[in-house]
Amino acid sequence: MKRLLPVLLLLSVCLPANADDFLGTRPLGMGGAHRAIVTGNDAIMLNPAGMSLFRRYSFEAQYLLKPDTDGNGLEEHVFHTSVIDNQLAAFATGLAYTRVQRGDNKKGNRYDMAFSLPLSQNLLIGTDIKYINFDCNHKEDAIDAVTVDLGLLLRTDFGLNIGVVGYNLTNTADYLEHPISMAAAVMYSPFRTLEIAFDWFINFQRPKDLLDPVNCDKETGYSYHFGIEYLLMSQITMRAGYVYDQAQTDDGEHFWAAGVGYVTQRFAFDFGYRGSFEDSWKNTFGFCVRLFM
């Protein structure tokens, strides 16, 4: 029991639901099942291949909040801005900046530069080069690393998309939140206003000993994400999702998610929420403003 208490404390302050520091508002409302959809700027973070899906110039600003419901002083704030340009060049370019502030436990910045290229009409490839710089209480040294994500997206003419993404392919040594990992995803759209998605996330560097995540042996963990999005009256988007997460610990965690949005040809607003069935301190709110040019 004495050993279990510090483990639970470490989990409560260090582990997000997807083994990374940011999940956008729209994916948040779908339980993270979004890597085969990626029609917004969230493609930069989740599957950069999706930036080539549409000819557009889009700007997004997002804010995510994990409230301090337990009074431990570890309320988390995430500020994120991004832009994608796919209007003129043969390839799409994306830039993003993320600021994370989790009480005194974690603070720092993440910078992303992403590129996407259509290999054919239906096969897209993309990469995201990111620089992460965080001060974390669970590490003696600051996390200061450059790493790469690589994604593929296959779309079909009958409403089926398939995505495969590798994350942090150069080791960051941050095994709690930026492990070497991958995801396989599928999305089916039986008609234009409905999208049904499933993502399978694989963490190849789950620490066996959370009290010493750097030096202990690593194992493989998994999480499963289900999501649905429905467009109502051509402007209102309704979202729901479910997550079963074993990507970080043997004990599976369950989350539910919901979201709503309003979209026009020029702008969109989105709100997302993810709730834990077990622990209220893991609940997360998200708000996003999107501009299209």
Protein backbone atom coordinates (compact mmCIF):
# COMPACT_ATOMS: atom_id res chain seq x y z
CA MET A 1 0.00 0.00 0.00
CA LYS A 2 2.85 2.43 0.79
CA ARG A 3 4.27 1.82 -2.68
CA LEU A 4 0.88 2.15 -4.34
CA LEU A 5 0.21 5.67 -3.03
CA PRO A 6 3.14 7.40 -4.78
CA VAL A 7 2.29 5.50 -7.96
CA LEU A 8 -1.28 6.82 -7.87
CA LEU A 9 0.01 10.33 -7.23
CA LEU A 10 2.41 10.09 -10.16
CA LEU A 11 -0.40 8.90 -12.41
CA SER A 12 -2.68 11.69 -11.29
CA VAL A 13 -0.21 14.43 -12.25
CA CYS A 14 1.64 12.99 -15.25
CA LEU A 15 -0.60 10.93 -17.51
CA PRO A 16 -2.97 12.34 -20.10
CA ALA A 17 -5.45 10.04 -21.82
CA ASN A 18 -3.52 9.53 -25.04
CA ALA A 19 0.13 9.48 -23.93
CA ASP A 20 0.77 12.90 -25.43
CA ASP A 21 0.30 16.49 -24.30
CA PHE A 22 -2.46 17.66 -26.66
CA LEU A 23 -5.71 16.35 -28.07
CA GLY A 24 -7.72 18.89 -30.05
CA THR A 25 -11.27 19.96 -29.20
CA ARG A 26 -12.97 18.13 -32.05
CA PRO A 27 -11.12 14.82 -31.46
CA LEU A 28 -11.71 15.29 -27.72
CA GLY A 29 -15.46 15.16 -28.31
CA MET A 30 -15.07 11.92 -30.29
CA GLY A 31 -12.95 10.10 -27.73
CA GLY A 32 -9.79 10.65 -29.79
CA ALA A 33 -11.10 8.59 -32.73
CA HIS A 34 -9.98 11.02 -35.40
CA ARG A 35 -6.81 9.85 -37.18
CA ALA A 36 -8.68 8.63 -40.27
CA ILE A 37 -10.82 11.82 -40.44
CA VAL A 38 -8.36 14.72 -39.85
CA THR A 39 -10.22 17.30 -41.94
CA GLY A 40 -9.12 20.14 -39.64
CA ASN A 41 -5.87 21.50 -38.25
CA ASP A 42 -5.81 18.61 -35.76
CA ALA A 43 -4.19 16.70 -38.63
CA ILE A 44 -0.86 18.34 -37.68
CA MET A 45 -0.86 16.52 -34.34
CA LEU A 46 -2.80 13.32 -35.09
CA ASN A 47 -2.09 12.40 -38.73
CA PRO A 48 -0.25 14.99 -40.84
CA ALA A 49 -1.20 13.19 -44.06
CA GLY A 50 -4.71 14.62 -43.68
CA MET A 51 -3.54 18.18 -44.38
CA SER A 52 -3.77 17.42 -48.12
CA LEU A 53 -7.44 16.39 -48.01
CA PHE A 54 -8.77 19.84 -48.97
CA ARG A 55 -7.49 22.97 -50.67
CA ARG A 56 -7.71 25.55 -47.91
CA TYR A 57 -6.03 28.07 -45.65
CA SER A 58 -7.23 27.60 -42.09
CA PHE A 59 -6.36 29.03 -38.70
CA GLU A 60 -7.31 27.52 -35.34
CA ALA A 61 -7.04 28.67 -31.73
CA GLN A 62 -7.83 26.22 -28.95
CA TYR A 63 -7.96 26.14 -25.17
CA LEU A 64 -8.14 22.96 -23.07
CA LEU A 65 -8.72 22.84 -19.32
CA LYS A 66 -8.35 19.99 -16.86
CA PRO A 67 -9.88 21.42 -13.63
CA ASP A 68 -8.34 20.96 -10.21
CA THR A 69 -11.31 19.05 -8.77
CA ASP A 70 -9.22 17.42 -6.01
CA GLY A 71 -7.66 20.65 -4.76
CA ASN A 72 -4.10 19.42 -5.37
CA GLY A 73 -2.99 22.55 -7.23
CA LEU A 74 -2.44 20.66 -10.51
CA GLU A 75 -5.02 22.32 -12.72
CA GLU A 76 -3.87 22.00 -16.34
CA HIS A 77 -4.17 24.68 -19.02
CA VAL A 78 -3.30 24.06 -22.67
CA PHE A 79 -3.19 26.88 -25.24
CA HIS A 80 -2.80 25.93 -28.89
CA THR A 81 -2.68 27.79 -32.20
CA SER A 82 -2.13 26.37 -35.67
CA VAL A 83 -2.33 27.24 -39.35
CA ILE A 84 -2.51 25.05 -42.48
CA ASP A 85 -1.82 26.32 -46.01
CA ASN A 86 -2.82 24.04 -48.89
CA GLN A 87 -3.85 26.60 -51.48
CA LEU A 88 -0.92 27.18 -53.82
CA ALA A 89 1.84 24.57 -53.50
CA ALA A 90 1.66 20.93 -54.53
CA PHE A 91 2.03 19.99 -50.87
CA ALA A 92 0.36 21.24 -47.68
CA THR A 93 2.24 22.96 -44.85
CA GLY A 94 1.18 23.24 -41.22
CA LEU A 95 2.59 25.14 -38.25
CA ALA A 96 1.47 24.79 -34.63
CA TYR A 97 2.40 26.06 -31.18
CA THR A 98 1.23 24.51 -27.90
CA ARG A 99 1.73 25.83 -24.38
CA VAL A 100 1.14 23.45 -21.46
CA GLN A 101 0.90 24.55 -17.82
CA ARG A 102 0.07 21.86 -15.25
CA GLY A 103 0.44 23.51 -11.85
CA ASP A 104 4.08 23.27 -10.79
CA ASN A 105 4.38 19.73 -12.15
CA LYS A 106 4.78 20.43 -15.85
CA LYS A 107 5.21 23.52 -17.96
CA GLY A 108 6.68 24.19 -21.36
CA ASN A 109 6.15 24.45 -25.08
CA ARG A 110 5.76 22.33 -28.17
CA TYR A 111 6.44 23.52 -31.74
CA ASP A 112 5.28 21.63 -34.85
CA MET A 113 6.15 21.97 -38.52
CA ALA A 114 4.24 19.52 -40.72
CA PHE A 115 4.14 18.68 -44.42
CA SER A 116 1.74 16.57 -46.47
CA LEU A 117 1.84 15.33 -50.06
CA PRO A 118 -0.71 13.38 -52.13
CA LEU A 119 1.06 10.36 -53.64
CA SER A 120 -2.05 9.69 -55.73
CA GLN A 121 -5.64 10.81 -55.76
CA ASN A 122 -6.49 8.57 -52.80
CA LEU A 123 -3.18 8.01 -50.97
CA LEU A 124 -1.70 10.80 -48.84
CA ILE A 125 1.52 10.94 -46.83
CA GLY A 126 2.61 13.43 -44.20
CA THR A 127 5.25 14.13 -41.58
CA ASP A 128 5.41 16.33 -38.50
CA ILE A 129 8.73 17.56 -37.12
CA LYS A 130 8.24 18.71 -33.54
CA TYR A 131 10.38 20.28 -30.85
CA ILE A 132 9.29 19.67 -27.25
CA ASN A 133 10.71 21.53 -24.26
CA PHE A 134 9.14 20.86 -20.85
CA ASP A 135 10.11 21.02 -17.20
CA CYS A 136 8.56 18.06 -15.36
CA ASN A 137 8.81 17.04 -11.72
CA HIS A 138 9.12 13.37 -12.68
CA LYS A 139 12.41 14.06 -14.52
CA GLU A 140 15.57 15.58 -13.06
CA ASP A 141 16.48 17.13 -16.41
CA ALA A 142 14.19 19.16 -18.65
CA ILE A 143 12.64 17.36 -21.61
CA ASP A 144 14.37 18.94 -24.59
CA ALA A 145 14.04 16.93 -27.80
CA VAL A 146 13.28 17.01 -31.52
CA THR A 147 11.29 14.09 -32.86
CA VAL A 148 9.23 13.09 -35.91
CA ASP A 149 5.76 11.72 -36.66
CA LEU A 150 4.92 10.01 -39.94
CA GLY A 151 1.41 9.36 -41.24
CA LEU A 152 -0.43 7.72 -44.15
CA LEU A 153 -4.06 8.16 -45.14
CA LEU A 154 -5.94 6.07 -47.69
CA ARG A 155 -9.36 7.27 -48.78
CA THR A 156 -11.78 5.33 -50.95
CA ASP A 157 -14.71 6.23 -53.19
CA PHE A 158 -17.23 4.42 -50.98
CA GLY A 159 -16.79 6.41 -47.77
CA LEU A 160 -14.00 4.44 -46.08
CA ASN A 161 -10.76 6.04 -44.83
CA ILE A 162 -7.79 4.15 -43.34
CA GLY A 163 -4.98 5.87 -41.45
CA VAL A 164 -1.66 4.68 -40.01
CA VAL A 165 0.59 6.97 -37.94
CA GLY A 166 3.90 6.59 -36.10
CA TYR A 167 4.67 9.01 -33.26
CA ASN A 168 7.96 10.14 -31.71
CA LEU A 169 9.98 7.91 -34.03
CA THR A 170 13.20 9.33 -32.61
CA ASN A 171 13.27 8.58 -28.90
CA THR A 172 12.44 11.59 -26.68
CA ALA A 173 13.26 9.76 -23.39
CA ASP A 174 9.90 11.07 -22.10
CA TYR A 175 8.29 7.67 -21.63
CA LEU A 176 5.23 8.95 -19.78
CA GLU A 177 3.92 11.48 -22.29
CA HIS A 178 5.93 11.26 -25.53
CA PRO A 179 6.70 7.56 -26.05
CA ILE A 180 7.50 5.84 -29.34
CA SER A 181 4.03 4.80 -30.42
CA MET A 182 1.70 4.29 -33.37
CA ALA A 183 -1.97 4.22 -34.27
CA ALA A 184 -4.14 2.49 -36.84
CA ALA A 185 -7.48 4.09 -37.62
CA VAL A 186 -10.56 3.58 -39.78
CA MET A 187 -13.48 5.89 -40.57
CA TYR A 188 -16.66 4.98 -42.44
CA SER A 189 -19.08 7.58 -43.76
CA PRO A 190 -22.24 5.87 -45.10
CA PHE A 191 -23.56 9.28 -46.14
CA ARG A 192 -22.19 12.81 -46.16
CA THR A 193 -23.48 13.92 -42.75
CA LEU A 194 -22.35 10.91 -40.68
CA GLU A 195 -18.85 9.69 -39.76
CA ILE A 196 -18.14 6.63 -37.61
CA ALA A 197 -14.53 6.18 -36.46
CA PHE A 198 -12.30 3.74 -34.57
CA ASP A 199 -8.65 4.29 -33.56
CA TRP A 200 -6.26 1.72 -32.08
CA PHE A 201 -3.34 3.34 -30.25
CA ILE A 202 -0.18 1.36 -29.36
CA ASN A 203 2.40 2.57 -26.82
CA PHE A 204 5.71 0.73 -27.29
CA GLN A 205 7.39 2.30 -24.25
CA ARG A 206 4.99 1.90 -21.34
CA PRO A 207 7.15 1.91 -18.17
CA LYS A 208 6.86 -1.16 -15.97
CA ASP A 209 7.86 0.90 -12.93
CA LEU A 210 6.13 4.30 -12.83
CA LEU A 211 8.36 5.42 -9.96
CA ASP A 212 11.38 5.14 -12.27
CA PRO A 213 10.03 5.53 -15.83
CA VAL A 214 13.43 6.32 -17.37
CA ASN A 215 15.52 3.38 -16.15
CA CYS A 216 12.93 0.61 -15.83
CA ASP A 217 12.02 -1.95 -18.51
CA LYS A 218 9.38 -0.99 -21.06
CA GLU A 219 6.38 -2.93 -22.33
CA THR A 220 3.57 -2.45 -24.85
CA GLY A 221 0.19 -0.95 -23.96
CA TYR A 222 -2.95 -0.29 -25.99
CA SER A 223 -5.94 2.03 -26.06
CA TYR A 224 -9.15 1.83 -28.09
CA HIS A 225 -11.11 4.86 -29.26
CA PHE A 226 -14.63 4.94 -30.71
CA GLY A 227 -16.27 8.09 -32.07
CA ILE A 228 -19.21 9.35 -34.09
CA GLU A 229 -19.94 12.73 -35.67
CA TYR A 230 -23.24 13.86 -37.21
CA LEU A 231 -23.85 17.06 -39.15
CA LEU A 232 -27.30 18.50 -38.45
CA MET A 233 -28.92 21.09 -40.73
CA SER A 234 -25.58 21.55 -42.55
CA GLN A 235 -24.19 23.71 -39.73
CA ILE A 236 -24.44 21.97 -36.34
CA THR A 237 -22.10 19.06 -35.56
CA MET A 238 -22.91 16.59 -32.80
CA ARG A 239 -20.15 14.28 -31.48
CA ALA A 240 -19.82 11.39 -29.02
CA GLY A 241 -17.07 8.96 -28.12
CA TYR A 242 -15.76 6.26 -25.80
CA VAL A 243 -12.20 5.29 -24.79
CA TYR A 244 -10.80 2.18 -23.16
CA ASP A 245 -7.21 2.99 -22.21
CA GLN A 246 -4.47 0.53 -21.27
CA ALA A 247 -1.73 2.44 -23.07
CA GLN A 248 -0.13 3.67 -19.85
CA THR A 249 -1.03 1.18 -17.08
CA ASP A 250 -2.27 -2.40 -16.77
CA ASP A 251 -5.43 -1.13 -15.11
CA GLY A 252 -7.82 -0.24 -17.92
CA GLU A 253 -9.47 3.19 -17.70
CA HIS A 254 -12.79 4.13 -19.27
CA PHE A 255 -13.72 7.55 -20.63
CA TRP A 256 -16.81 8.98 -22.31
CA ALA A 257 -16.81 12.01 -24.58
CA ALA A 258 -19.22 14.48 -26.15
CA GLY A 259 -18.96 17.57 -28.31
CA VAL A 260 -20.90 20.10 -30.31
CA GLY A 261 -19.93 22.58 -33.00
CA TYR A 262 -21.24 25.25 -35.32
CA VAL A 263 -19.67 25.57 -38.77
CA THR A 264 -20.06 27.93 -41.74
CA GLN A 265 -18.00 28.45 -44.90
CA ARG A 266 -15.85 31.06 -43.11
CA PHE A 267 -15.62 30.03 -39.45
CA ALA A 268 -16.50 27.39 -36.89
CA PHE A 269 -16.82 27.04 -33.12
CA ASP A 270 -16.32 23.74 -31.30
CA PHE A 271 -16.75 22.55 -27.74
CA GLY A 272 -15.57 19.16 -26.48
CA TYR A 273 -15.62 17.29 -23.19
CA ARG A 274 -14.04 14.05 -22.02
CA GLY A 275 -15.13 12.53 -18.73
CA SER A 276 -13.63 9.68 -16.74
CA PHE A 277 -15.83 6.95 -15.28
CA GLU A 278 -13.34 6.51 -12.42
CA ASP A 279 -11.62 9.82 -11.56
CA SER A 280 -13.05 13.31 -11.91
CA TRP A 281 -9.57 14.92 -11.99
CA LYS A 282 -9.07 13.44 -15.48
CA ASN A 283 -12.06 15.30 -16.94
CA THR A 284 -11.10 17.71 -19.74
CA PHE A 285 -12.91 20.61 -21.42
CA GLY A 286 -11.95 22.05 -24.80
CA PHE A 287 -12.97 25.09 -26.88
CA CYS A 288 -11.86 25.92 -30.42
CA VAL A 289 -12.30 28.75 -32.95
CA ARG A 290 -11.59 27.94 -36.60
CA LEU A 291 -11.25 30.38 -39.51
CA PHE A 292 -11.27 29.36 -43.20
CA MET A 293 -9.82 31.48 -46.05
